[in-house]
Amino acid sequence: MATLTRSITIDAPVDTVFDVALDISQLWRAKDVALSEVEIVPGGVGTSARLYSHLLGFHLEGGVEYIEVVPGQRIVAQAHWFAEKPTWTFEFEPAGDGTMVTAQGEWELKVPVVGKPIERMMVKEHEPFVEEMLANFKTLVEARSAA
C-alpha cells in the first residue's frame, strides 16, 4: 500500500470547515476536474458525484462517494478512476482558532511485481492534485467565514 498525506490549516472553526466539506462539490475542487450528478445525503454517508478529467488527451470518468462520516472529525471517501480506486480520508482537528485538515490517499494494487511501483507512481501523480484541492478548499471556507 502507498499513501499520500497533506495538511492545511484553515482559519475557521472545525464545525464550519466540516459542514462545508460534507458538500462533495465544495471539497473536491481542482483544476481539470469537473463534477456532475452530485448527490448530497443527510449525514454524509452515500454522498457522491461523478468525476471527469483528462490525462494525456484522454477523457477520464469516475466517481467518488463518502463511505464513512464521523461528524466534526473525519470523512472517508472511495474514489474510482479507470483502474485505480484510492481511498481518501479527511481528518478535521482544532488548530488554535482554526482547523487542521489532513487528507490521506491510499492506493493498493494487488498485482504481483508491478503493483508497488504503480502505487508509488499514483502517489507522485496525485501530489499536485491534493495540494490544489486543499488550497482551493481553504480559500472557499475562509471566504465564507469572512462574509
N, C-alpha and C. Protein backbone atom coordinates (compact mmCIF):
# COMPACT_ATOMS: atom_id res chain seq x y z
N MET A 1 0.84 -1.17 0.00
CA MET A 1 0.00 0.00 0.00
C MET A 1 0.89 1.24 0.00
N ALA A 2 0.47 2.24 -0.78
CA ALA A 2 1.19 3.51 -0.82
C ALA A 2 0.25 4.61 -0.35
N THR A 3 0.79 5.58 0.37
CA THR A 3 -0.05 6.66 0.89
C THR A 3 0.51 8.03 0.52
N LEU A 4 -0.39 8.97 0.44
CA LEU A 4 -0.06 10.38 0.21
C LEU A 4 -0.80 11.17 1.29
N THR A 5 -0.06 11.97 2.05
CA THR A 5 -0.67 12.76 3.12
C THR A 5 -0.28 14.22 2.98
N ARG A 6 -1.26 15.09 3.05
CA ARG A 6 -1.04 16.53 3.04
C ARG A 6 -2.00 17.17 4.03
N SER A 7 -1.56 18.27 4.64
CA SER A 7 -2.38 19.00 5.61
C SER A 7 -2.39 20.47 5.27
N ILE A 8 -3.44 21.14 5.74
CA ILE A 8 -3.55 22.58 5.58
C ILE A 8 -4.34 23.12 6.77
N THR A 9 -4.00 24.33 7.22
CA THR A 9 -4.73 24.96 8.31
C THR A 9 -5.66 25.99 7.71
N ILE A 10 -6.91 25.92 8.13
CA ILE A 10 -7.95 26.81 7.63
C ILE A 10 -8.41 27.70 8.78
N ASP A 11 -8.51 28.99 8.51
CA ASP A 11 -8.90 29.97 9.53
C ASP A 11 -10.42 29.99 9.68
N ALA A 12 -10.93 28.91 10.26
CA ALA A 12 -12.36 28.79 10.54
C ALA A 12 -12.53 27.65 11.54
N PRO A 13 -13.59 27.67 12.33
CA PRO A 13 -13.81 26.61 13.32
C PRO A 13 -14.06 25.25 12.66
N VAL A 14 -13.76 24.19 13.39
CA VAL A 14 -13.91 22.82 12.88
C VAL A 14 -15.31 22.57 12.34
N ASP A 15 -16.33 22.96 13.09
CA ASP A 15 -17.71 22.68 12.64
C ASP A 15 -18.01 23.34 11.30
N THR A 16 -17.54 24.56 11.11
CA THR A 16 -17.75 25.26 9.85
C THR A 16 -17.04 24.54 8.71
N VAL A 17 -15.78 24.20 8.93
CA VAL A 17 -14.99 23.53 7.90
C VAL A 17 -15.61 22.18 7.55
N PHE A 18 -15.97 21.43 8.56
CA PHE A 18 -16.56 20.11 8.35
C PHE A 18 -17.88 20.22 7.58
N ASP A 19 -18.73 21.16 7.96
CA ASP A 19 -20.02 21.32 7.28
C ASP A 19 -19.85 21.62 5.79
N VAL A 20 -18.86 22.45 5.45
CA VAL A 20 -18.61 22.73 4.03
C VAL A 20 -18.09 21.48 3.33
N ALA A 21 -17.23 20.71 4.00
CA ALA A 21 -16.66 19.50 3.40
C ALA A 21 -17.72 18.43 3.16
N LEU A 22 -18.82 18.45 3.90
CA LEU A 22 -19.89 17.49 3.66
C LEU A 22 -20.48 17.64 2.26
N ASP A 23 -20.36 18.84 1.69
CA ASP A 23 -20.79 19.05 0.30
C ASP A 23 -19.63 18.65 -0.61
N ILE A 24 -19.74 17.49 -1.20
CA ILE A 24 -18.66 16.92 -2.01
C ILE A 24 -18.21 17.86 -3.12
N SER A 25 -19.13 18.67 -3.64
CA SER A 25 -18.77 19.60 -4.73
C SER A 25 -17.94 20.76 -4.24
N GLN A 26 -17.92 21.00 -2.93
CA GLN A 26 -17.10 22.07 -2.37
C GLN A 26 -15.70 21.57 -1.99
N LEU A 27 -15.61 20.34 -1.54
CA LEU A 27 -14.31 19.78 -1.16
C LEU A 27 -13.51 19.32 -2.37
N TRP A 28 -14.13 18.67 -3.31
CA TRP A 28 -13.42 18.07 -4.46
C TRP A 28 -13.32 19.05 -5.62
N ARG A 29 -12.67 20.19 -5.38
CA ARG A 29 -12.48 21.20 -6.42
C ARG A 29 -11.01 21.24 -6.81
N ALA A 30 -10.75 21.06 -8.09
CA ALA A 30 -9.37 21.17 -8.60
C ALA A 30 -9.42 21.45 -10.09
N LYS A 31 -8.36 22.07 -10.57
CA LYS A 31 -8.25 22.37 -11.99
C LYS A 31 -8.34 21.06 -12.77
N ASP A 32 -9.02 21.12 -13.88
CA ASP A 32 -9.15 19.98 -14.79
C ASP A 32 -9.97 18.83 -14.22
N VAL A 33 -10.73 19.08 -13.15
CA VAL A 33 -11.64 18.07 -12.62
C VAL A 33 -13.02 18.71 -12.56
N ALA A 34 -13.99 18.04 -13.21
CA ALA A 34 -15.37 18.51 -13.18
C ALA A 34 -16.22 17.48 -12.46
N LEU A 35 -17.23 17.97 -11.76
CA LEU A 35 -18.15 17.07 -11.06
C LEU A 35 -19.55 17.24 -11.63
N SER A 36 -20.27 16.13 -11.67
CA SER A 36 -21.68 16.17 -12.06
C SER A 36 -22.41 15.12 -11.24
N GLU A 37 -23.72 15.07 -11.42
CA GLU A 37 -24.55 14.09 -10.72
C GLU A 37 -24.25 14.08 -9.22
N VAL A 38 -24.06 15.27 -8.67
CA VAL A 38 -23.77 15.41 -7.24
C VAL A 38 -25.03 15.03 -6.45
N GLU A 39 -24.85 14.13 -5.51
CA GLU A 39 -25.95 13.73 -4.63
C GLU A 39 -25.49 13.91 -3.20
N ILE A 40 -26.13 14.82 -2.50
CA ILE A 40 -25.82 15.10 -1.10
C ILE A 40 -26.83 14.32 -0.24
N VAL A 41 -26.31 13.48 0.64
CA VAL A 41 -27.15 12.66 1.51
C VAL A 41 -27.05 13.21 2.94
N PRO A 42 -28.17 13.42 3.62
CA PRO A 42 -28.11 13.88 5.01
C PRO A 42 -27.24 12.95 5.85
N GLY A 43 -26.37 13.53 6.64
CA GLY A 43 -25.44 12.74 7.45
C GLY A 43 -24.14 12.44 6.73
N GLY A 44 -24.14 12.55 5.42
CA GLY A 44 -22.90 12.42 4.64
C GLY A 44 -22.66 11.09 3.98
N VAL A 45 -22.90 9.97 4.67
CA VAL A 45 -22.61 8.65 4.08
C VAL A 45 -23.51 8.44 2.87
N GLY A 46 -22.90 8.11 1.74
CA GLY A 46 -23.63 7.94 0.50
C GLY A 46 -23.59 9.15 -0.41
N THR A 47 -23.11 10.29 0.10
CA THR A 47 -22.93 11.47 -0.73
C THR A 47 -21.97 11.08 -1.86
N SER A 48 -22.29 11.49 -3.10
CA SER A 48 -21.48 11.03 -4.22
C SER A 48 -21.49 12.03 -5.37
N ALA A 49 -20.57 11.81 -6.31
CA ALA A 49 -20.51 12.63 -7.53
C ALA A 49 -19.76 11.86 -8.60
N ARG A 50 -20.05 12.18 -9.84
CA ARG A 50 -19.26 11.69 -10.98
C ARG A 50 -18.12 12.68 -11.18
N LEU A 51 -16.94 12.16 -11.50
CA LEU A 51 -15.75 12.98 -11.74
C LEU A 51 -15.34 12.85 -13.20
N TYR A 52 -14.93 13.97 -13.79
CA TYR A 52 -14.46 13.98 -15.18
C TYR A 52 -13.14 14.73 -15.24
N SER A 53 -12.21 14.21 -16.03
CA SER A 53 -10.92 14.87 -16.21
C SER A 53 -10.30 14.39 -17.52
N HIS A 54 -9.09 14.85 -17.78
CA HIS A 54 -8.33 14.42 -18.96
C HIS A 54 -6.90 14.12 -18.54
N LEU A 55 -6.29 13.15 -19.18
CA LEU A 55 -4.90 12.81 -18.94
C LEU A 55 -4.29 12.44 -20.28
N LEU A 56 -3.27 13.19 -20.66
CA LEU A 56 -2.59 12.95 -21.93
C LEU A 56 -3.58 12.93 -23.10
N GLY A 57 -4.57 13.80 -23.04
CA GLY A 57 -5.55 13.90 -24.10
C GLY A 57 -6.69 12.90 -24.03
N PHE A 58 -6.68 12.01 -23.06
CA PHE A 58 -7.73 11.02 -22.91
C PHE A 58 -8.76 11.49 -21.89
N HIS A 59 -10.03 11.31 -22.23
CA HIS A 59 -11.13 11.63 -21.33
C HIS A 59 -11.19 10.55 -20.25
N LEU A 60 -11.21 10.98 -18.98
CA LEU A 60 -11.33 10.05 -17.87
C LEU A 60 -12.62 10.34 -17.11
N GLU A 61 -13.26 9.30 -16.69
CA GLU A 61 -14.50 9.44 -15.96
C GLU A 61 -14.49 8.47 -14.79
N GLY A 62 -14.97 8.93 -13.67
CA GLY A 62 -15.00 8.07 -12.48
C GLY A 62 -16.02 8.60 -11.50
N GLY A 63 -15.80 8.28 -10.25
CA GLY A 63 -16.72 8.74 -9.22
C GLY A 63 -16.07 8.78 -7.87
N VAL A 64 -16.78 9.38 -6.95
CA VAL A 64 -16.32 9.45 -5.56
C VAL A 64 -17.56 9.38 -4.67
N GLU A 65 -17.43 8.66 -3.56
CA GLU A 65 -18.55 8.51 -2.64
C GLU A 65 -18.03 8.53 -1.21
N TYR A 66 -18.76 9.24 -0.35
CA TYR A 66 -18.43 9.26 1.07
C TYR A 66 -18.92 7.94 1.67
N ILE A 67 -17.99 7.15 2.21
CA ILE A 67 -18.35 5.84 2.75
C ILE A 67 -18.35 5.80 4.28
N GLU A 68 -17.77 6.81 4.89
CA GLU A 68 -17.77 6.91 6.36
C GLU A 68 -17.73 8.38 6.73
N VAL A 69 -18.55 8.77 7.69
CA VAL A 69 -18.55 10.15 8.19
C VAL A 69 -18.66 10.10 9.71
N VAL A 70 -17.69 10.72 10.36
CA VAL A 70 -17.72 10.90 11.81
C VAL A 70 -17.85 12.42 12.00
N PRO A 71 -19.04 12.89 12.38
CA PRO A 71 -19.29 14.33 12.44
C PRO A 71 -18.20 15.11 13.18
N GLY A 72 -17.73 16.16 12.49
CA GLY A 72 -16.73 17.04 13.07
C GLY A 72 -15.32 16.48 13.12
N GLN A 73 -15.13 15.23 12.68
CA GLN A 73 -13.82 14.60 12.80
C GLN A 73 -13.25 14.03 11.51
N ARG A 74 -14.07 13.26 10.78
CA ARG A 74 -13.48 12.51 9.65
C ARG A 74 -14.52 12.23 8.57
N ILE A 75 -14.04 12.30 7.31
CA ILE A 75 -14.81 11.86 6.15
C ILE A 75 -13.91 10.91 5.38
N VAL A 76 -14.42 9.72 5.07
CA VAL A 76 -13.68 8.75 4.25
C VAL A 76 -14.42 8.63 2.92
N ALA A 77 -13.68 8.79 1.84
CA ALA A 77 -14.26 8.75 0.50
C ALA A 77 -13.57 7.68 -0.33
N GLN A 78 -14.38 6.96 -1.09
CA GLN A 78 -13.84 5.97 -2.03
C GLN A 78 -13.96 6.57 -3.43
N ALA A 79 -12.83 6.68 -4.09
CA ALA A 79 -12.82 7.19 -5.47
C ALA A 79 -12.56 6.03 -6.41
N HIS A 80 -13.01 6.18 -7.63
CA HIS A 80 -12.67 5.18 -8.64
C HIS A 80 -12.53 5.85 -9.99
N TRP A 81 -11.37 5.63 -10.58
CA TRP A 81 -10.98 6.16 -11.89
C TRP A 81 -10.41 5.00 -12.66
N PHE A 82 -10.76 4.80 -13.83
CA PHE A 82 -10.15 3.83 -14.73
C PHE A 82 -9.75 2.59 -13.94
N ALA A 83 -8.46 2.38 -13.67
CA ALA A 83 -8.01 1.17 -12.96
C ALA A 83 -7.60 1.45 -11.51
N GLU A 84 -7.76 2.68 -11.05
CA GLU A 84 -7.34 2.98 -9.68
C GLU A 84 -8.55 3.26 -8.80
N LYS A 85 -8.42 2.87 -7.55
CA LYS A 85 -9.50 3.04 -6.58
C LYS A 85 -8.95 3.49 -5.22
N PRO A 86 -8.40 4.70 -5.19
CA PRO A 86 -7.85 5.16 -3.90
C PRO A 86 -8.94 5.45 -2.88
N THR A 87 -8.59 5.26 -1.63
CA THR A 87 -9.45 5.65 -0.52
C THR A 87 -8.85 6.93 0.06
N TRP A 88 -9.69 7.95 0.24
CA TRP A 88 -9.24 9.23 0.79
C TRP A 88 -9.88 9.44 2.15
N THR A 89 -9.04 9.76 3.13
CA THR A 89 -9.52 10.09 4.47
C THR A 89 -9.19 11.54 4.76
N PHE A 90 -10.21 12.30 5.15
CA PHE A 90 -10.04 13.70 5.51
C PHE A 90 -10.32 13.81 7.00
N GLU A 91 -9.32 14.29 7.75
CA GLU A 91 -9.48 14.47 9.19
C GLU A 91 -9.49 15.95 9.52
N PHE A 92 -10.31 16.32 10.50
CA PHE A 92 -10.53 17.71 10.89
C PHE A 92 -10.20 17.83 12.37
N GLU A 93 -9.21 18.68 12.69
CA GLU A 93 -8.79 18.84 14.09
C GLU A 93 -8.64 20.32 14.41
N PRO A 94 -8.98 20.71 15.64
CA PRO A 94 -8.76 22.10 16.04
C PRO A 94 -7.27 22.45 15.96
N ALA A 95 -7.00 23.65 15.50
CA ALA A 95 -5.63 24.18 15.44
C ALA A 95 -5.70 25.65 15.83
N GLY A 96 -5.58 25.91 17.13
CA GLY A 96 -5.77 27.28 17.62
C GLY A 96 -7.22 27.67 17.39
N ASP A 97 -7.43 28.82 16.71
CA ASP A 97 -8.79 29.26 16.38
C ASP A 97 -9.27 28.68 15.06
N GLY A 98 -8.41 27.91 14.39
CA GLY A 98 -8.75 27.36 13.09
C GLY A 98 -8.89 25.85 13.11
N THR A 99 -8.71 25.27 11.93
CA THR A 99 -8.87 23.83 11.75
C THR A 99 -7.75 23.29 10.88
N MET A 100 -7.14 22.22 11.34
CA MET A 100 -6.17 21.50 10.53
C MET A 100 -6.93 20.42 9.78
N VAL A 101 -6.86 20.47 8.44
CA VAL A 101 -7.47 19.43 7.61
C VAL A 101 -6.33 18.59 7.05
N THR A 102 -6.38 17.30 7.28
CA THR A 102 -5.38 16.38 6.75
C THR A 102 -6.07 15.43 5.79
N ALA A 103 -5.52 15.36 4.58
CA ALA A 103 -6.03 14.44 3.56
C ALA A 103 -5.00 13.33 3.38
N GLN A 104 -5.49 12.11 3.39
CA GLN A 104 -4.59 10.98 3.15
C GLN A 104 -5.23 10.06 2.12
N GLY A 105 -4.52 9.87 1.02
CA GLY A 105 -4.96 8.93 -0.01
C GLY A 105 -4.17 7.64 0.11
N GLU A 106 -4.85 6.52 -0.11
CA GLU A 106 -4.19 5.21 -0.05
C GLU A 106 -4.52 4.43 -1.31
N TRP A 107 -3.47 3.87 -1.90
CA TRP A 107 -3.61 3.03 -3.09
C TRP A 107 -3.09 1.65 -2.77
N GLU A 108 -3.82 0.64 -3.19
CA GLU A 108 -3.35 -0.73 -3.02
C GLU A 108 -3.72 -1.52 -4.27
N LEU A 109 -2.71 -1.89 -5.02
CA LEU A 109 -2.91 -2.69 -6.22
C LEU A 109 -2.38 -4.10 -5.94
N LYS A 110 -3.24 -5.05 -6.04
CA LYS A 110 -2.84 -6.43 -5.76
C LYS A 110 -2.39 -7.10 -7.06
N VAL A 111 -1.30 -6.55 -7.60
CA VAL A 111 -0.74 -7.07 -8.84
C VAL A 111 0.71 -7.44 -8.56
N PRO A 112 1.06 -8.70 -8.72
CA PRO A 112 2.44 -9.12 -8.44
C PRO A 112 3.45 -8.32 -9.26
N VAL A 113 4.58 -8.09 -8.68
CA VAL A 113 5.77 -7.44 -9.26
C VAL A 113 5.56 -5.96 -9.55
N VAL A 114 4.55 -5.59 -10.32
CA VAL A 114 4.40 -4.20 -10.74
C VAL A 114 3.49 -3.38 -9.83
N GLY A 115 2.76 -4.03 -8.91
CA GLY A 115 1.81 -3.31 -8.06
C GLY A 115 2.43 -2.19 -7.25
N LYS A 116 3.50 -2.48 -6.53
CA LYS A 116 4.14 -1.47 -5.66
C LYS A 116 4.69 -0.28 -6.46
N PRO A 117 5.40 -0.51 -7.57
CA PRO A 117 5.86 0.65 -8.34
C PRO A 117 4.71 1.50 -8.90
N ILE A 118 3.64 0.86 -9.30
CA ILE A 118 2.49 1.61 -9.80
C ILE A 118 1.84 2.40 -8.67
N GLU A 119 1.73 1.82 -7.49
CA GLU A 119 1.18 2.54 -6.33
C GLU A 119 2.00 3.80 -6.07
N ARG A 120 3.33 3.68 -6.07
CA ARG A 120 4.20 4.84 -5.82
C ARG A 120 4.01 5.89 -6.92
N MET A 121 3.82 5.45 -8.16
CA MET A 121 3.58 6.37 -9.26
C MET A 121 2.26 7.12 -9.06
N MET A 122 1.23 6.42 -8.60
CA MET A 122 -0.07 7.05 -8.34
C MET A 122 0.07 8.14 -7.28
N VAL A 123 0.82 7.84 -6.21
CA VAL A 123 1.03 8.84 -5.16
C VAL A 123 1.69 10.07 -5.74
N LYS A 124 2.76 9.90 -6.47
CA LYS A 124 3.50 11.03 -7.05
C LYS A 124 2.60 11.84 -7.98
N GLU A 125 1.82 11.15 -8.78
CA GLU A 125 0.93 11.79 -9.74
C GLU A 125 -0.15 12.62 -9.06
N HIS A 126 -0.58 12.23 -7.86
CA HIS A 126 -1.67 12.92 -7.18
C HIS A 126 -1.22 14.02 -6.23
N GLU A 127 0.08 14.19 -6.01
CA GLU A 127 0.55 15.25 -5.11
C GLU A 127 0.03 16.63 -5.49
N PRO A 128 0.20 17.07 -6.76
CA PRO A 128 -0.31 18.40 -7.10
C PRO A 128 -1.82 18.51 -6.96
N PHE A 129 -2.53 17.43 -7.28
CA PHE A 129 -3.99 17.43 -7.17
C PHE A 129 -4.45 17.70 -5.74
N VAL A 130 -3.93 16.92 -4.78
CA VAL A 130 -4.41 17.07 -3.40
C VAL A 130 -3.97 18.41 -2.81
N GLU A 131 -2.80 18.88 -3.17
CA GLU A 131 -2.35 20.20 -2.68
C GLU A 131 -3.26 21.30 -3.21
N GLU A 132 -3.61 21.22 -4.49
CA GLU A 132 -4.50 22.22 -5.09
C GLU A 132 -5.91 22.11 -4.49
N MET A 133 -6.38 20.89 -4.31
CA MET A 133 -7.71 20.69 -3.75
C MET A 133 -7.81 21.30 -2.35
N LEU A 134 -6.82 21.05 -1.51
CA LEU A 134 -6.82 21.62 -0.16
C LEU A 134 -6.70 23.14 -0.18
N ALA A 135 -5.87 23.68 -1.05
CA ALA A 135 -5.73 25.14 -1.16
C ALA A 135 -7.04 25.78 -1.62
N ASN A 136 -7.70 25.17 -2.60
CA ASN A 136 -9.00 25.69 -3.06
C ASN A 136 -10.04 25.63 -1.95
N PHE A 137 -10.03 24.55 -1.20
CA PHE A 137 -10.99 24.38 -0.11
C PHE A 137 -10.75 25.44 0.97
N LYS A 138 -9.48 25.68 1.30
CA LYS A 138 -9.12 26.71 2.28
C LYS A 138 -9.65 28.08 1.85
N THR A 139 -9.41 28.43 0.60
CA THR A 139 -9.85 29.72 0.07
C THR A 139 -11.37 29.84 0.15
N LEU A 140 -12.07 28.80 -0.23
CA LEU A 140 -13.53 28.80 -0.21
C LEU A 140 -14.07 28.97 1.21
N VAL A 141 -13.58 28.17 2.13
CA VAL A 141 -14.09 28.21 3.51
C VAL A 141 -13.76 29.55 4.17
N GLU A 142 -12.53 30.03 4.00
CA GLU A 142 -12.17 31.30 4.62
C GLU A 142 -12.97 32.46 4.05
N ALA A 143 -13.28 32.44 2.77
CA ALA A 143 -14.11 33.49 2.17
C ALA A 143 -15.52 33.45 2.75
N ARG A 144 -16.05 32.26 2.95
CA ARG A 144 -17.40 32.13 3.53
C ARG A 144 -17.40 32.58 4.99
N SER A 145 -16.33 32.26 5.72
CA SER A 145 -16.25 32.64 7.13
C SER A 145 -16.13 34.14 7.30
N ALA A 146 -15.47 34.80 6.36
CA ALA A 146 -15.27 36.24 6.43
C ALA A 146 -16.54 37.01 6.09
N ALA A 147 -17.43 36.38 5.34
CA ALA A 147 -18.65 37.08 4.87
C ALA A 147 -19.66 37.29 5.98
